[in-house]
Protein backbone atom coordinates (compact mmCIF):
# COMPACT_ATOMS: atom_id res chain seq x y z
CA SER A 1 -32.05 -27.51 -144.97
CA ARG A 2 -30.17 -30.67 -145.89
CA ASN A 3 -32.11 -32.68 -143.34
CA ALA A 4 -35.55 -31.56 -144.53
CA ALA A 5 -37.76 -34.43 -145.62
CA VAL A 6 -37.95 -34.84 -149.37
CA ARG A 7 -41.27 -36.05 -150.74
CA ARG A 8 -40.85 -39.21 -152.78
CA ASP A 9 -44.41 -39.90 -153.78
CA LYS A 10 -44.69 -38.87 -157.42
CA VAL A 11 -46.01 -41.36 -159.93
CA ILE A 12 -44.25 -41.62 -163.28
CA TYR A 13 -45.92 -42.94 -166.39
CA TYR A 14 -43.31 -43.64 -169.06
CA THR A 15 -44.69 -43.18 -172.54
CA ARG A 16 -42.84 -44.18 -175.68
CA THR A 17 -44.94 -41.85 -177.83
CA GLY A 18 -43.46 -38.46 -178.56
CA GLY A 19 -39.99 -39.42 -177.41
CA GLY A 20 -38.63 -40.17 -180.86
CA THR A 21 -38.99 -43.95 -180.68
CA ALA A 22 -41.21 -46.11 -182.84
CA ARG A 23 -40.94 -49.32 -180.81
CA ARG A 24 -43.07 -50.75 -178.01
CA TYR A 25 -45.42 -47.79 -177.94
CA VAL A 26 -48.73 -48.42 -176.21
CA ASN A 27 -51.84 -48.09 -178.38
CA LYS A 28 -52.94 -44.45 -178.07
CA GLU A 29 -56.53 -45.19 -177.00
CA LEU A 30 -55.34 -47.76 -174.47
CA GLU A 31 -52.73 -45.33 -173.13
CA LEU A 32 -55.48 -42.80 -172.40
CA GLN A 33 -57.43 -45.51 -170.54
CA ILE A 34 -54.30 -46.50 -168.57
CA LEU A 35 -53.71 -42.88 -167.58
CA SER A 36 -57.36 -42.57 -166.52
CA LYS A 37 -56.99 -45.67 -164.29
CA ILE A 38 -53.79 -44.23 -162.79
CA ARG A 39 -55.44 -40.86 -162.07
CA LYS A 40 -58.46 -42.48 -160.39
CA ALA A 41 -56.26 -44.75 -158.27
CA MET A 42 -54.04 -41.81 -157.30
CA THR A 43 -57.09 -39.89 -156.11
CA ARG A 44 -58.16 -42.89 -154.01
CA ARG A 45 -54.59 -43.02 -152.69
CA GLY A 46 -54.92 -39.38 -151.53
CA GLN A 47 -52.83 -37.84 -154.29
CA ASN A 48 -53.54 -35.08 -156.76
CA PRO A 49 -52.89 -36.43 -160.26
CA ASP A 50 -52.58 -32.87 -161.59
CA THR A 51 -49.47 -32.30 -159.48
CA ASP A 52 -48.25 -35.80 -158.59
CA LEU A 53 -48.42 -37.61 -161.96
CA ILE A 54 -45.43 -37.13 -164.26
CA ILE A 55 -45.75 -38.23 -167.88
CA PHE A 56 -42.18 -38.96 -168.92
CA ASP A 57 -40.87 -39.57 -172.43
CA GLY A 58 -37.23 -38.68 -171.81
CA THR A 59 -37.39 -35.37 -173.66
CA ASP A 60 -37.91 -31.72 -172.88
CA GLY A 61 -40.58 -29.53 -174.46
CA ASN A 62 -38.41 -29.12 -177.56
CA GLY A 63 -37.91 -32.85 -178.14
CA LYS A 64 -34.31 -32.90 -176.89
CA THR A 65 -33.16 -35.70 -174.58
CA LEU A 66 -33.27 -34.61 -170.96
CA PRO A 67 -29.92 -34.30 -169.17
CA VAL A 68 -29.14 -37.18 -166.80
CA GLN A 69 -29.39 -34.78 -163.82
CA THR A 70 -32.97 -33.92 -164.76
CA GLN A 71 -33.89 -37.56 -165.25
CA TRP A 72 -32.41 -38.30 -161.82
CA GLU A 73 -34.44 -35.47 -160.26
CA ILE A 74 -37.65 -36.77 -161.80
CA PHE A 75 -37.22 -40.41 -160.84
CA SER A 76 -35.80 -39.75 -157.38
CA SER A 77 -39.02 -37.84 -156.58
CA ALA A 78 -41.19 -40.90 -157.28
CA ASP A 79 -42.28 -44.00 -155.44
CA THR A 80 -44.00 -45.58 -158.48
CA ALA A 81 -43.01 -45.96 -162.14
CA ILE A 82 -45.28 -47.48 -164.78
CA GLY A 83 -44.82 -48.13 -168.47
CA PRO A 84 -43.43 -50.18 -171.32
CA HIS A 85 -39.99 -51.74 -171.20
CA GLY A 86 -37.44 -49.30 -172.56
CA SER A 87 -34.43 -47.16 -171.80
CA GLY A 88 -36.57 -44.43 -170.23
CA LEU A 89 -37.94 -46.85 -167.66
CA ALA A 90 -34.38 -47.88 -166.77
CA ASN A 91 -34.30 -44.62 -164.80
CA VAL A 92 -35.95 -46.55 -161.97
CA ILE A 93 -32.40 -47.05 -160.73
CA TRP A 94 -32.66 -43.47 -159.43
CA MET A 95 -35.71 -44.24 -157.28
CA ASP A 96 -34.92 -44.11 -153.57
CA PRO A 97 -34.17 -47.47 -151.94
CA ARG A 98 -34.97 -46.00 -148.52
CA CYS A 99 -38.71 -46.37 -149.29
CA GLN A 100 -39.06 -49.20 -146.80
CA PRO A 101 -40.76 -51.34 -145.44
CA LYS A 102 -42.34 -53.29 -148.32
CA GLU A 103 -45.66 -51.44 -148.23
CA LYS A 104 -43.68 -48.22 -148.81
CA SER A 105 -41.10 -49.70 -151.19
CA VAL A 106 -40.51 -48.44 -154.71
CA LYS A 107 -43.17 -49.84 -157.06
CA VAL A 108 -42.65 -50.63 -160.75
CA ILE A 109 -45.20 -51.91 -163.26
CA GLU A 110 -43.46 -52.77 -166.51
CA PHE A 111 -45.10 -53.85 -169.77
CA LEU A 112 -43.08 -56.58 -171.52
CA SER A 113 -42.99 -58.74 -174.61
CA SER A 114 -43.02 -62.52 -174.38
CA GLU A 115 -43.06 -65.56 -176.61
CA ARG A 116 -46.80 -64.85 -177.09
CA THR A 117 -45.99 -61.53 -178.81
CA PRO A 118 -43.61 -62.33 -181.70
CA LYS A 119 -44.39 -58.98 -183.37
CA VAL A 120 -42.94 -57.08 -180.40
CA GLN A 121 -39.16 -57.36 -180.08
CA THR A 122 -39.43 -60.75 -181.80
CA GLY A 123 -41.15 -62.05 -178.68
CA SER A 124 -38.09 -61.58 -176.49
CA ALA A 125 -38.36 -60.90 -172.77
CA TRP A 126 -34.62 -61.10 -172.06
CA GLY A 127 -32.57 -58.58 -170.18
CA HIS A 128 -35.01 -56.85 -167.86
CA TRP A 129 -34.42 -59.24 -164.99
CA TYR A 130 -30.68 -58.44 -164.97
CA LEU A 131 -31.55 -54.92 -163.85
CA TYR A 132 -34.36 -55.68 -161.44
CA GLY A 133 -32.67 -58.71 -159.92
CA SER A 134 -30.02 -56.38 -158.54
CA LEU A 135 -32.52 -53.80 -157.25
CA PHE A 136 -33.88 -55.83 -154.37
CA TRP A 137 -35.74 -52.93 -152.78
CA MET A 138 -38.17 -52.66 -155.70
CA ASP A 139 -41.59 -54.23 -155.81
CA VAL A 140 -41.65 -55.08 -159.54
CA HIS A 141 -44.74 -56.29 -161.38
CA GLU A 142 -44.54 -57.37 -165.00
CA LEU A 143 -47.53 -57.22 -167.33
CA TYR A 144 -47.07 -58.97 -170.65
CA TYR A 145 -48.38 -57.58 -173.90
CA LEU A 146 -51.43 -59.22 -175.41
CA GLU A 147 -51.13 -61.39 -178.52
CA ASN A 148 -52.49 -58.68 -180.85
CA SER A 149 -49.60 -56.33 -180.01
CA ASP A 150 -47.32 -55.16 -182.81
CA ASP A 151 -44.57 -52.55 -182.56
CA LYS A 152 -43.90 -52.09 -186.27
CA PRO A 153 -44.32 -48.54 -187.64
CA GLY A 154 -47.90 -48.00 -188.75
CA SER A 155 -49.28 -50.76 -186.54
CA PRO A 156 -51.87 -50.05 -183.81
CA GLY A 157 -49.19 -50.52 -181.12
CA THR A 158 -48.98 -52.69 -178.03
CA PHE A 159 -51.79 -53.75 -175.73
CA ILE A 160 -52.08 -54.92 -172.14
CA ASP A 161 -55.08 -56.29 -170.27
CA LEU A 162 -56.61 -53.19 -168.67
CA ASP A 163 -58.39 -55.19 -165.95
CA VAL A 164 -55.14 -56.90 -164.92
CA PHE A 165 -53.43 -53.49 -164.91
CA GLU A 166 -56.10 -52.02 -162.64
CA ARG A 167 -55.90 -54.99 -160.24
CA THR A 168 -52.10 -54.71 -160.15
CA LEU A 169 -52.26 -50.98 -159.44
CA ASN A 170 -54.76 -51.53 -156.63
CA GLU A 171 -52.59 -54.31 -155.20
CA ILE A 172 -49.33 -52.37 -155.13
CA TRP A 173 -51.00 -49.35 -153.55
CA GLY A 174 -53.13 -51.35 -151.10
CA LEU A 175 -56.39 -50.10 -152.56
CA LYS A 176 -59.61 -52.11 -152.53
């Protein structure tokens, strides 16, 4: 029925590998470690990572860009989105603002460049706050890339501090 409760508790990890982009991709080994941390935290949160974790790159199984309707369906089913800054993560606008109060609000962990990372988007961190400043219902946490990050083709990719990521994940989900 139209009034049936819709579950909004999926976790989305946005990856920039495999989606046809060569910028701001997370180092492959680090990405596996990030996903492992997410899965462990989800289990502690009472979720099944096999069914509740969505790895999103904006494409279907054939590498074609997903229709907007499908992207809306994916993001509106989630209460948490994690990943590098990029157009795919902009889909957080579809996450449900009715996830209130704060402890149940929409959670976003975004990986960003800064002046410390001149090899990633020329060290620019502009623009992201325009979007999130208008989405007041979101609990947004920004993790900046480490100095050794590089998003040029053939480089090892971008890096974040895995310990800071784990602490942030535990904080937003109220885990100890």
